Amino acid sequence: MKKWFIVLFLLMSLQAMAQEKIAINEDDYQNSGIEMADTMRAEGKIYVLVGIIGIVFAGILVYVIATDKKVGKLEKLLKD
């Protein structure tokens, strides 16, 4: 029974990942700019976005290092 559920969920996920095909025209090849990034850069908001991303990554890094230290201490206790 468990196998049938797995097969069913896999088939459902394959259908969910299907995307509608969009035709590419000549205008798509001529577009070299990204409107959202250009607008954010022009308004000075891109620096806020980069700063927030940097803070989030720094927080994740600090969390991973702290967790690694705690695990290291637990491993030392188990060895002793």
C-alpha atoms as a PDB file:
ATOM      1  CA  MET A   1       0.000   0.000   0.000  1.00  0.00           C
ATOM      2  CA  LYS A   2       2.853   2.352   0.846  1.00  0.00           C
ATOM      3  CA  LYS A   3       4.379   1.813  -2.597  1.00  0.00           C
ATOM      4  CA  TRP A   4       1.139   2.861  -4.279  1.00  0.00           C
ATOM      5  CA  PHE A   5       1.051   6.109  -2.321  1.00  0.00           C
ATOM      6  CA  ILE A   6       4.618   6.869  -3.322  1.00  0.00           C
ATOM      7  CA  VAL A   7       3.860   6.174  -6.989  1.00  0.00           C
ATOM      8  CA  LEU A   8       0.711   8.288  -6.796  1.00  0.00           C
ATOM      9  CA  PHE A   9       2.554  11.235  -5.227  1.00  0.00           C
ATOM     10  CA  LEU A  10       5.357  10.980  -7.786  1.00  0.00           C
ATOM     11  CA  LEU A  11       2.878  11.049 -10.655  1.00  0.00           C
ATOM     12  CA  MET A  12       1.081  14.020  -9.120  1.00  0.00           C
ATOM     13  CA  SER A  13       4.359  15.894  -8.668  1.00  0.00           C
ATOM     14  CA  LEU A  14       5.350  15.287 -12.284  1.00  0.00           C
ATOM     15  CA  GLN A  15       2.110  16.845 -13.423  1.00  0.00           C
ATOM     16  CA  ALA A  16       2.584  19.796 -11.060  1.00  0.00           C
ATOM     17  CA  MET A  17       6.049  20.539 -12.477  1.00  0.00           C
ATOM     18  CA  ALA A  18       4.821  20.734 -16.070  1.00  0.00           C
ATOM     19  CA  GLN A  19       4.983  24.245 -17.471  1.00  0.00           C
ATOM     20  CA  GLU A  20       3.164  25.934 -20.266  1.00  0.00           C
ATOM     21  CA  LYS A  21       5.332  26.424 -23.332  1.00  0.00           C
ATOM     22  CA  ILE A  22       5.709  30.068 -24.297  1.00  0.00           C
ATOM     23  CA  ALA A  23       6.824  30.937 -27.796  1.00  0.00           C
ATOM     24  CA  ILE A  24      10.024  32.980 -28.143  1.00  0.00           C
ATOM     25  CA  ASN A  25       9.910  35.851 -30.590  1.00  0.00           C
ATOM     26  CA  GLU A  26      12.474  38.307 -31.953  1.00  0.00           C
ATOM     27  CA  ASP A  27      11.768  40.900 -29.236  1.00  0.00           C
ATOM     28  CA  ASP A  28      12.962  38.470 -26.576  1.00  0.00           C
ATOM     29  CA  TYR A  29      16.429  38.359 -28.125  1.00  0.00           C
ATOM     30  CA  GLN A  30      16.694  42.158 -28.217  1.00  0.00           C
ATOM     31  CA  ASN A  31      15.864  42.600 -24.511  1.00  0.00           C
ATOM     32  CA  SER A  32      19.183  43.035 -22.688  1.00  0.00           C
ATOM     33  CA  GLY A  33      17.990  44.794 -19.527  1.00  0.00           C
ATOM     34  CA  ILE A  34      16.098  43.664 -16.484  1.00  0.00           C
ATOM     35  CA  GLU A  35      13.440  46.225 -15.621  1.00  0.00           C
ATOM     36  CA  MET A  36      13.114  45.375 -11.937  1.00  0.00           C
ATOM     37  CA  ALA A  37      16.865  45.563 -11.292  1.00  0.00           C
ATOM     38  CA  ASP A  38      17.233  48.774 -13.285  1.00  0.00           C
ATOM     39  CA  THR A  39      14.352  50.399 -11.408  1.00  0.00           C
ATOM     40  CA  MET A  40      15.680  49.333  -8.012  1.00  0.00           C
ATOM     41  CA  ARG A  41      19.179  50.522  -8.892  1.00  0.00           C
ATOM     42  CA  ALA A  42      17.845  53.874 -10.100  1.00  0.00           C
ATOM     43  CA  GLU A  43      15.886  54.394  -6.873  1.00  0.00           C
ATOM     44  CA  GLY A  44      18.782  53.250  -4.662  1.00  0.00           C
ATOM     45  CA  LYS A  45      16.817  50.320  -3.245  1.00  0.00           C
ATOM     46  CA  ILE A  46      19.200  47.718  -4.655  1.00  0.00           C
ATOM     47  CA  TYR A  47      21.698  48.520  -1.891  1.00  0.00           C
ATOM     48  CA  VAL A  48      19.052  47.857   0.754  1.00  0.00           C
ATOM     49  CA  LEU A  49      18.309  44.506  -0.873  1.00  0.00           C
ATOM     50  CA  VAL A  50      21.988  43.558  -1.014  1.00  0.00           C
ATOM     51  CA  GLY A  51      22.397  44.589   2.614  1.00  0.00           C
ATOM     52  CA  ILE A  52      19.461  42.477   3.760  1.00  0.00           C
ATOM     53  CA  ILE A  53      20.733  39.462   1.832  1.00  0.00           C
ATOM     54  CA  GLY A  54      24.167  39.952   3.419  1.00  0.00           C
ATOM     55  CA  ILE A  55      22.664  40.136   6.915  1.00  0.00           C
ATOM     56  CA  VAL A  56      20.609  36.975   6.338  1.00  0.00           C
ATOM     57  CA  PHE A  57      23.636  35.038   5.082  1.00  0.00           C
ATOM     58  CA  ALA A  58      25.752  36.298   7.980  1.00  0.00           C
ATOM     59  CA  GLY A  59      23.069  35.145  10.416  1.00  0.00           C
ATOM     60  CA  ILE A  60      22.948  31.720   8.820  1.00  0.00           C
ATOM     61  CA  LEU A  61      26.739  31.491   8.961  1.00  0.00           C
ATOM     62  CA  VAL A  62      26.826  32.433  12.657  1.00  0.00           C
ATOM     63  CA  TYR A  63      24.103  29.885  13.412  1.00  0.00           C
ATOM     64  CA  VAL A  64      25.959  27.095  11.576  1.00  0.00           C
ATOM     65  CA  ILE A  65      29.247  27.884  13.329  1.00  0.00           C
ATOM     66  CA  ALA A  66      27.583  27.982  16.753  1.00  0.00           C
ATOM     67  CA  THR A  67      25.826  24.680  16.076  1.00  0.00           C
ATOM     68  CA  ASP A  68      29.101  23.122  14.930  1.00  0.00           C
ATOM     69  CA  LYS A  69      30.804  24.186  18.160  1.00  0.00           C
ATOM     70  CA  LYS A  70      28.001  22.694  20.252  1.00  0.00           C
ATOM     71  CA  VAL A  71      28.154  19.424  18.339  1.00  0.00           C
ATOM     72  CA  GLY A  72      31.933  19.367  18.768  1.00  0.00           C
ATOM     73  CA  LYS A  73      31.557  19.758  22.533  1.00  0.00           C
ATOM     74  CA  LEU A  74      28.999  16.933  22.641  1.00  0.00           C
ATOM     75  CA  GLU A  75      31.318  14.686  20.633  1.00  0.00           C
ATOM     76  CA  LYS A  76      34.148  15.378  23.079  1.00  0.00           C
ATOM     77  CA  LEU A  77      31.858  14.478  25.994  1.00  0.00           C
ATOM     78  CA  LEU A  78      30.898  11.215  24.319  1.00  0.00           C
ATOM     79  CA  LYS A  79      34.552  10.296  23.717  1.00  0.00           C
ATOM     80  CA  ASP A  80      35.420  10.878  27.382  1.00  0.00           C
END
